[in-house]
Protein backbone atom coordinates (compact mmCIF):
# COMPACT_ATOMS: atom_id res chain seq x y z
CA MET A 1 -13.39 -117.42 160.42
CA LYS A 2 -10.61 -115.08 161.51
CA LYS A 3 -11.79 -112.37 163.90
CA LEU A 4 -10.35 -109.17 165.33
CA VAL A 5 -11.02 -109.11 169.06
CA VAL A 6 -10.63 -106.17 171.44
CA ALA A 7 -10.55 -107.25 175.09
CA LYS A 8 -10.64 -104.82 178.00
CA ILE A 9 -9.86 -105.55 181.63
CA GLY A 10 -10.49 -103.15 184.50
CA THR A 11 -8.46 -101.90 187.42
CA SER A 12 -10.25 -103.94 190.07
CA SER A 13 -9.59 -107.14 188.12
CA ILE A 14 -5.80 -106.70 187.94
CA THR A 15 -4.88 -104.94 191.20
CA ASP A 16 -5.25 -105.91 194.85
CA ASP A 17 -6.94 -103.90 197.60
CA HIS A 18 -3.79 -101.84 198.13
CA GLY A 19 -3.50 -101.02 194.43
CA ASP A 20 -0.54 -103.26 193.71
CA ILE A 21 -0.64 -105.06 190.38
CA ASP A 22 -1.90 -108.64 190.63
CA VAL A 23 0.68 -110.36 188.44
CA ALA A 24 -1.30 -113.62 188.36
CA ALA A 25 -4.42 -111.82 187.13
CA VAL A 26 -2.52 -110.06 184.35
CA SER A 27 -0.88 -113.35 183.39
CA LYS A 28 -4.29 -115.03 183.18
CA PHE A 29 -5.60 -112.26 180.95
CA CYS A 30 -2.56 -112.48 178.66
CA SER A 31 -2.79 -116.26 178.58
CA GLY A 32 -6.41 -115.95 177.44
CA LEU A 33 -5.43 -113.53 174.70
CA ALA A 34 -2.67 -115.92 173.63
CA ALA A 35 -5.21 -118.75 173.38
CA VAL A 36 -7.43 -116.60 171.16
CA ARG A 37 -4.42 -115.82 168.96
CA SER A 38 -3.55 -119.50 168.76
CA ALA A 39 -7.03 -120.09 167.35
CA GLY A 40 -6.12 -117.81 164.44
CA HIS A 41 -7.60 -114.50 165.58
CA GLN A 42 -6.05 -111.05 166.09
CA VAL A 43 -6.24 -109.49 169.55
CA VAL A 44 -5.93 -106.03 171.08
CA ALA A 45 -5.71 -105.57 174.85
CA VAL A 46 -7.16 -102.50 176.55
CA THR A 47 -6.15 -102.18 180.18
CA SER A 48 -6.82 -99.88 183.08
CA GLY A 49 -4.74 -99.81 186.24
CA ALA A 50 -1.95 -97.25 185.75
CA ILE A 51 -3.27 -94.81 188.35
CA ALA A 52 -4.01 -97.55 190.89
CA ALA A 53 -0.57 -99.08 190.30
CA GLY A 54 1.19 -95.74 190.80
CA LEU A 55 -0.46 -94.70 194.05
CA PRO A 56 1.23 -97.29 196.34
CA ALA A 57 4.64 -96.20 195.03
CA ILE A 58 4.08 -92.73 196.49
CA GLY A 59 2.44 -93.92 199.70
CA LEU A 60 -1.16 -93.35 198.60
CA GLY A 61 -2.34 -96.91 198.12
CA GLY A 62 -5.41 -98.32 199.87
CA SER A 63 -8.98 -97.15 200.18
CA GLU A 64 -8.44 -93.37 200.23
CA ARG A 65 -7.94 -92.65 196.52
CA PRO A 66 -6.98 -89.00 195.82
CA THR A 67 -9.44 -86.95 193.83
CA ASP A 68 -7.35 -84.07 192.49
CA ALA A 69 -6.42 -84.40 188.81
CA VAL A 70 -2.74 -83.45 189.18
CA THR A 71 -2.05 -86.21 191.71
CA LEU A 72 -3.92 -88.73 189.58
CA GLN A 73 -1.90 -87.69 186.55
CA ALA A 74 1.33 -88.07 188.48
CA ALA A 75 0.25 -91.49 189.75
CA SER A 76 -0.53 -92.55 186.20
CA ALA A 77 2.93 -91.53 185.01
CA ILE A 78 4.46 -93.60 187.80
CA GLY A 79 2.15 -96.58 187.43
CA GLN A 80 2.08 -96.90 183.65
CA SER A 81 5.65 -98.17 183.33
CA ARG A 82 5.10 -100.61 186.19
CA LEU A 83 1.91 -101.87 184.57
CA MET A 84 3.48 -102.26 181.15
CA ARG A 85 6.45 -104.14 182.58
CA VAL A 86 4.07 -106.78 183.94
CA TYR A 87 2.30 -107.04 180.58
CA ASP A 88 5.60 -107.35 178.71
CA ASP A 89 6.69 -110.20 180.99
CA ALA A 90 3.32 -111.96 180.86
CA PHE A 91 3.17 -111.88 177.07
CA ALA A 92 6.84 -112.90 176.80
CA ASP A 93 5.96 -116.04 178.79
CA GLN A 94 3.55 -116.82 175.94
CA GLY A 95 6.18 -116.11 173.28
CA ILE A 96 4.41 -112.88 172.27
CA VAL A 97 5.73 -109.35 171.81
CA SER A 98 3.51 -106.57 173.17
CA GLY A 99 3.51 -102.87 172.36
CA GLN A 100 2.13 -99.94 174.35
CA LEU A 101 -0.23 -97.39 172.81
CA LEU A 102 -1.62 -94.51 174.90
CA LEU A 103 -4.74 -92.81 173.55
CA ALA A 104 -7.27 -90.17 174.58
CA PRO A 105 -10.79 -89.52 173.28
CA LEU A 106 -9.52 -86.55 171.26
CA ASP A 107 -7.57 -89.02 169.12
CA PHE A 108 -10.91 -90.17 167.74
CA GLY A 109 -12.19 -86.71 166.89
CA ILE A 110 -9.31 -85.20 164.94
CA ARG A 111 -9.07 -86.95 161.59
CA GLN A 112 -5.27 -86.97 161.33
CA GLN A 113 -4.82 -88.33 164.85
CA TYR A 114 -7.52 -90.92 164.20
CA LEU A 115 -5.68 -92.12 161.07
CA HIS A 116 -2.34 -92.22 162.90
CA ALA A 117 -3.82 -94.28 165.74
CA ARG A 118 -5.48 -96.69 163.34
CA GLY A 119 -2.33 -97.00 161.25
CA THR A 120 -0.17 -97.79 164.28
CA LEU A 121 -2.59 -100.38 165.62
CA ARG A 122 -2.93 -102.07 162.24
CA ARG A 123 0.83 -102.20 161.74
CA LEU A 124 1.37 -103.69 165.19
CA LEU A 125 -1.14 -106.41 164.35
CA GLU A 126 0.53 -107.05 160.98
CA LEU A 127 3.85 -107.49 162.79
CA GLY A 128 2.31 -110.09 165.11
CA VAL A 129 2.48 -107.75 168.11
CA VAL A 130 -0.32 -107.52 170.68
CA PRO A 131 -1.15 -103.82 171.24
CA VAL A 132 -1.74 -102.93 174.87
CA VAL A 133 -3.88 -99.78 174.91
CA ASN A 134 -4.46 -97.48 177.84
CA GLU A 135 -5.82 -93.97 178.17
CA ASN A 136 -3.15 -91.28 178.26
CA ASP A 137 -4.04 -90.23 181.79
CA ALA A 138 -0.67 -88.65 182.58
CA ILE A 139 -1.35 -85.65 180.33
CA ALA A 140 -5.14 -85.82 180.15
CA ASP A 141 -7.42 -83.11 181.47
CA ASP A 142 -11.13 -83.70 180.97
CA GLU A 143 -10.36 -87.24 179.80
CA ILE A 144 -8.94 -88.30 183.15
CA ARG A 145 -12.39 -87.79 184.67
CA PHE A 146 -13.81 -90.41 182.34
CA GLY A 147 -12.32 -92.86 184.84
CA ASP A 148 -12.37 -96.32 183.39
CA ASN A 149 -11.37 -97.38 179.89
CA ASP A 150 -14.60 -99.11 178.90
CA ARG A 151 -15.61 -96.34 176.56
CA LEU A 152 -12.10 -96.10 175.12
CA SER A 153 -12.16 -99.83 174.34
CA ALA A 154 -15.41 -99.41 172.42
CA LEU A 155 -13.89 -96.57 170.40
CA VAL A 156 -10.83 -98.73 169.66
CA ALA A 157 -13.15 -101.53 168.52
CA HIS A 158 -14.84 -99.07 166.18
CA LEU A 159 -11.53 -97.67 164.91
CA LEU A 160 -10.34 -101.14 163.92
CA LYS A 161 -13.77 -102.39 162.75
CA ALA A 162 -13.41 -105.21 165.25
CA ASP A 163 -15.64 -108.24 165.17
CA LEU A 164 -15.92 -108.52 168.95
CA LEU A 165 -15.43 -106.43 172.07
CA VAL A 166 -15.03 -108.30 175.36
CA LEU A 167 -15.43 -106.29 178.55
CA LEU A 168 -14.05 -108.21 181.52
CA THR A 169 -15.30 -107.30 184.97
CA ASP A 170 -15.84 -108.74 188.45
CA ALA A 171 -19.41 -109.88 187.69
CA ALA A 172 -20.73 -112.61 185.42
CA GLY A 173 -22.33 -109.95 183.22
CA LEU A 174 -25.36 -107.69 183.55
CA LEU A 175 -27.71 -109.17 186.15
CA THR A 176 -31.42 -108.69 186.74
CA ALA A 177 -30.70 -107.22 190.19
CA ASP A 178 -27.86 -106.48 192.57
CA PRO A 179 -26.85 -109.93 193.91
CA ARG A 180 -25.71 -108.34 197.17
CA VAL A 181 -29.31 -107.48 198.02
CA ASP A 182 -31.26 -109.94 195.86
CA THR A 183 -30.15 -113.56 195.90
CA SER A 184 -32.49 -114.39 193.02
CA ALA A 185 -30.56 -112.14 190.62
CA SER A 186 -29.82 -113.90 187.34
CA LEU A 187 -27.67 -113.23 184.29
CA ILE A 188 -29.14 -111.34 181.35
CA GLU A 189 -27.61 -113.37 178.54
CA GLU A 190 -28.66 -111.20 175.59
CA ILE A 191 -29.42 -107.55 174.82
CA VAL A 192 -30.80 -106.72 171.39
CA GLU A 193 -31.93 -103.14 172.06
CA PHE A 194 -31.17 -100.77 174.92
CA ASP A 195 -33.99 -99.24 176.92
CA ALA A 196 -34.39 -97.40 180.22
CA GLU A 197 -34.91 -100.65 182.14
CA VAL A 198 -31.64 -102.14 180.92
CA GLU A 199 -29.73 -98.97 181.79
CA ALA A 200 -31.32 -98.84 185.24
CA LEU A 201 -30.11 -102.38 185.94
CA ALA A 202 -26.52 -101.27 185.33
CA GLY A 203 -26.50 -99.13 188.48
CA GLY A 204 -23.77 -96.64 189.34
CA ALA A 205 -19.99 -96.40 189.57
CA GLY A 206 -17.61 -99.19 190.45
CA THR A 207 -14.97 -99.79 193.09
CA VAL A 208 -12.60 -97.45 194.92
CA ARG A 209 -9.64 -98.52 192.75
CA GLY A 210 -11.62 -98.35 189.53
CA SER A 211 -14.42 -95.96 188.70
CA GLY A 212 -16.18 -97.86 185.94
CA GLY A 213 -18.69 -100.36 187.28
CA MET A 214 -21.43 -102.07 185.30
CA ALA A 215 -22.92 -98.75 184.16
CA SER A 216 -19.66 -98.02 182.35
CA LYS A 217 -19.71 -101.48 180.75
CA VAL A 218 -23.25 -100.99 179.48
CA GLN A 219 -22.29 -97.55 178.17
CA ALA A 220 -19.37 -99.06 176.26
CA ALA A 221 -21.50 -101.88 174.92
CA LYS A 222 -23.95 -99.30 173.65
CA ILE A 223 -21.18 -97.44 171.85
CA ALA A 224 -19.96 -100.68 170.32
CA SER A 225 -23.49 -101.56 169.25
CA TRP A 226 -23.75 -98.24 167.40
CA ALA A 227 -20.33 -98.98 165.89
CA GLY A 228 -21.57 -102.31 164.55
CA VAL A 229 -19.50 -104.38 166.97
CA ARG A 230 -20.79 -107.35 168.99
CA THR A 231 -19.97 -107.11 172.72
CA VAL A 232 -19.69 -109.63 175.54
CA ILE A 233 -19.64 -108.47 179.18
CA ALA A 234 -18.19 -111.30 181.25
CA ALA A 235 -16.29 -112.22 184.43
CA ALA A 236 -12.52 -111.84 184.26
CA GLY A 237 -12.12 -114.79 186.64
CA ARG A 238 -14.10 -117.23 184.49
CA GLU A 239 -12.06 -120.03 182.98
CA ARG A 240 -11.64 -119.79 179.19
CA VAL A 241 -13.64 -116.58 179.24
CA LEU A 242 -12.00 -115.01 176.18
CA VAL A 243 -12.02 -118.20 174.11
CA ASP A 244 -15.65 -118.87 175.02
CA ALA A 245 -16.62 -115.28 174.18
CA VAL A 246 -15.04 -115.59 170.74
CA GLU A 247 -16.63 -118.98 170.14
CA GLY A 248 -20.05 -117.77 171.28
CA ALA A 249 -20.37 -120.28 174.11
CA PRO A 250 -23.77 -120.02 175.88
CA GLY A 251 -23.75 -118.44 179.31
CA VAL A 252 -20.32 -116.85 178.93
CA GLY A 253 -21.78 -113.46 179.89
CA THR A 254 -24.11 -110.78 178.57
CA VAL A 255 -24.03 -110.61 174.78
CA VAL A 256 -24.94 -107.24 173.24
CA HIS A 257 -25.88 -107.37 169.58
CA PRO A 258 -24.66 -104.73 167.12
CA ARG A 259 -27.00 -102.37 165.31
CA ALA A 260 -27.35 -102.92 161.58
CA GLU A 261 -26.40 -99.31 160.79
CA ARG A 262 -22.83 -98.34 161.67
CA MET A 263 -22.16 -94.77 162.88
CA SER A 264 -19.23 -92.82 161.41
CA ALA A 265 -16.11 -92.37 163.54
CA ARG A 266 -16.56 -88.60 163.87
CA LYS A 267 -20.21 -88.83 164.90
CA LEU A 268 -19.42 -91.65 167.31
CA TRP A 269 -16.81 -89.38 168.90
CA ILE A 270 -19.29 -86.50 169.13
CA ALA A 271 -21.97 -88.75 170.63
CA PHE A 272 -19.84 -90.56 173.18
CA ALA A 273 -16.30 -89.24 173.63
CA VAL A 274 -16.60 -85.50 174.04
CA ARG A 275 -18.02 -83.91 177.18
CA THR A 276 -21.22 -81.88 176.96
CA SER A 277 -20.81 -78.21 177.94
CA GLY A 278 -24.38 -76.90 177.66
CA ARG A 279 -27.86 -77.34 176.23
CA ILE A 280 -29.81 -75.69 173.43
CA VAL A 281 -33.60 -75.78 173.66
CA VAL A 282 -35.34 -75.72 170.27
CA ASP A 283 -38.95 -75.41 169.13
CA ASP A 284 -40.92 -78.34 167.77
CA GLY A 285 -40.44 -77.26 164.16
CA ALA A 286 -36.67 -77.36 164.52
CA ARG A 287 -36.85 -80.68 166.33
CA ARG A 288 -38.88 -82.25 163.51
CA ALA A 289 -36.57 -80.81 160.85
CA LEU A 290 -33.49 -82.23 162.56
CA LEU A 291 -35.07 -85.64 163.09
CA ASP A 292 -36.89 -86.03 159.77
CA ARG A 293 -34.71 -84.16 157.28
CA GLY A 294 -31.23 -84.27 158.79
CA VAL A 295 -30.67 -80.54 158.34
CA SER A 296 -28.47 -78.13 160.30
CA LEU A 297 -29.84 -76.37 163.38
CA LEU A 298 -30.47 -72.68 162.64
CA ALA A 299 -30.74 -69.81 165.10
CA ALA A 300 -34.40 -69.28 164.16
CA GLY A 301 -35.33 -72.58 165.80
CA VAL A 302 -33.56 -71.89 169.10
CA ARG A 303 -35.75 -70.97 172.06
CA ALA A 304 -33.29 -70.99 174.98
CA VAL A 305 -29.62 -71.51 175.81
CA GLU A 306 -28.57 -73.29 179.00
CA GLY A 307 -25.04 -73.25 180.42
CA ARG A 308 -21.94 -71.55 179.11
CA PHE A 309 -20.06 -72.90 176.11
CA HIS A 310 -17.75 -71.77 173.32
CA ALA A 311 -17.68 -72.46 169.61
CA GLN A 312 -16.77 -76.11 168.91
CA ASP A 313 -17.92 -77.23 172.37
CA ALA A 314 -20.35 -80.13 172.48
CA VAL A 315 -23.96 -79.33 173.39
CA GLU A 316 -27.13 -81.29 173.92
CA ILE A 317 -30.11 -80.32 171.79
CA VAL A 318 -33.37 -80.46 173.70
CA GLY A 319 -36.97 -80.39 172.50
CA PRO A 320 -39.83 -78.33 173.99
CA ASP A 321 -40.60 -81.18 176.40
CA GLY A 322 -37.08 -81.10 177.86
CA THR A 323 -36.01 -84.39 176.25
CA THR A 324 -32.54 -84.54 174.74
CA PHE A 325 -32.80 -85.85 171.19
CA ALA A 326 -29.47 -84.82 169.62
CA LYS A 327 -25.93 -83.77 170.40
CA GLY A 328 -23.53 -81.71 168.34
CA LEU A 329 -20.68 -79.23 168.15
CA ALA A 330 -21.81 -75.62 168.43
CA ARG A 331 -20.70 -73.16 165.74
CA THR A 332 -21.09 -70.23 168.13
CA GLY A 333 -20.69 -69.58 171.84
CA SER A 334 -23.55 -69.39 174.32
CA ASP A 335 -23.52 -65.59 174.69
CA ASP A 336 -23.70 -64.92 170.95
CA LEU A 337 -26.28 -67.65 170.49
CA ALA A 338 -28.51 -66.22 173.22
CA ALA A 339 -28.54 -62.93 171.33
CA ALA A 340 -29.34 -64.64 168.01
CA ALA A 341 -31.92 -67.13 169.31
CA GLY A 342 -35.21 -67.11 167.43
CA ARG A 343 -33.99 -64.69 164.74
CA LYS A 344 -34.17 -65.52 161.05
CA SER A 345 -31.05 -65.39 158.89
CA GLU A 346 -31.98 -62.05 157.33
CA ASP A 347 -32.44 -60.49 160.76
CA LEU A 348 -28.95 -61.33 162.00
CA PRO A 349 -26.12 -58.78 161.86
CA ASP A 350 -23.64 -59.03 159.00
CA GLY A 351 -21.01 -61.68 159.62
CA VAL A 352 -23.16 -63.64 162.08
CA SER A 353 -23.92 -67.13 160.78
CA SER A 354 -27.41 -68.51 161.18
CA VAL A 355 -26.03 -72.05 161.53
CA VAL A 356 -25.88 -73.06 165.19
CA VAL A 357 -24.94 -76.74 164.73
CA HIS A 358 -24.04 -77.97 161.26
CA ARG A 359 -25.57 -81.26 160.21
CA ASP A 360 -22.09 -82.79 159.77
CA ASP A 361 -21.46 -82.10 163.46
CA LEU A 362 -24.84 -83.32 164.73
CA VAL A 363 -25.86 -86.75 166.00
CA VAL A 364 -29.45 -87.79 166.61
CA VAL A 365 -29.79 -89.46 169.99
CA PRO A 366 -32.83 -91.74 170.37
CA SER A 367 -34.41 -91.64 173.83
CA ALA A 368 -33.08 -95.03 174.88
CA HIS A 369 -29.63 -93.79 173.90
CA GLY A 370 -29.83 -90.45 175.65
CA ALA A 371 -27.73 -91.36 178.67
CA ALA A 372 -24.77 -91.82 176.41
CA THR A 373 -24.52 -88.12 175.68
CA THR A 374 -23.04 -87.23 179.06
CA PRO A 375 -19.74 -88.82 180.15
């Protein structure tokens, strides 16, 4: 059966300690994608590495990675062309034409941009071209702080309704413990549902050159699961890793099963791609109405406003116990909402809407899924 496969490889897997591109590692990745194509499948590559590849060119390679956004953006602009040149050459060695596509999370939230991105990717695949996707770090703002491209790869998998997402990393997959401190750590071969224990096993951020780590991989796998896409987290250095992931070979890595119910593109973007700017605390009646009836959040149910945000910013919606159970786009800013909180529609001044978060802009976030609301 023909499959559409999205495969993502991280910065630490394709650059050396100084940040220079590891040509052999990129060639291995492209060779694996070529083998999957030869088996009759379509492939999309998602790659990190532009920032790391650009830093050595301006004398900033090594362990001391800059932290200011402007320098990182400049490094990305320098490194992206160098990175793509290596991909072009590696795919050419396989007799394949590759094409660059730079995306940002906003491309998944604005309908017209979403359709353009999907149309371009589909046409590239129809033409027999392998799309090489990277985040548009050179002009990004908030997006550049997302760090790695794991989450972007999951959104691309959703956009294309992919059959499989493969997240390549330096580890064999998600392990039961950190192997650096526990020699008995073993591979978790299958995840059916996410819970707090699974997320705790993922740990924190990754390497100096890349800022993803296993936590980012688990986050992306969770997004893909909600998008109805099967995910495999596996070691980039493993022989035949991509072919084995597509064929479902046992022990290839950690397999994350998709949920039966697929989330819409817009709600997936709200839940996972847009940064949270504040929190709205609601009473138990509002919480039950949102959970049980899928209605809009009204000002009457709001008990407190935390943080500062503007209309159309993303906010977490919190119950009386302090647990986040939903996320959405606010229809009003924090100052106006604080003044309207707890007031019924008829008690609000003329021209002030009682709708705080419309149901079309609201995503319910089960407790095991709560960590996904904050980039």
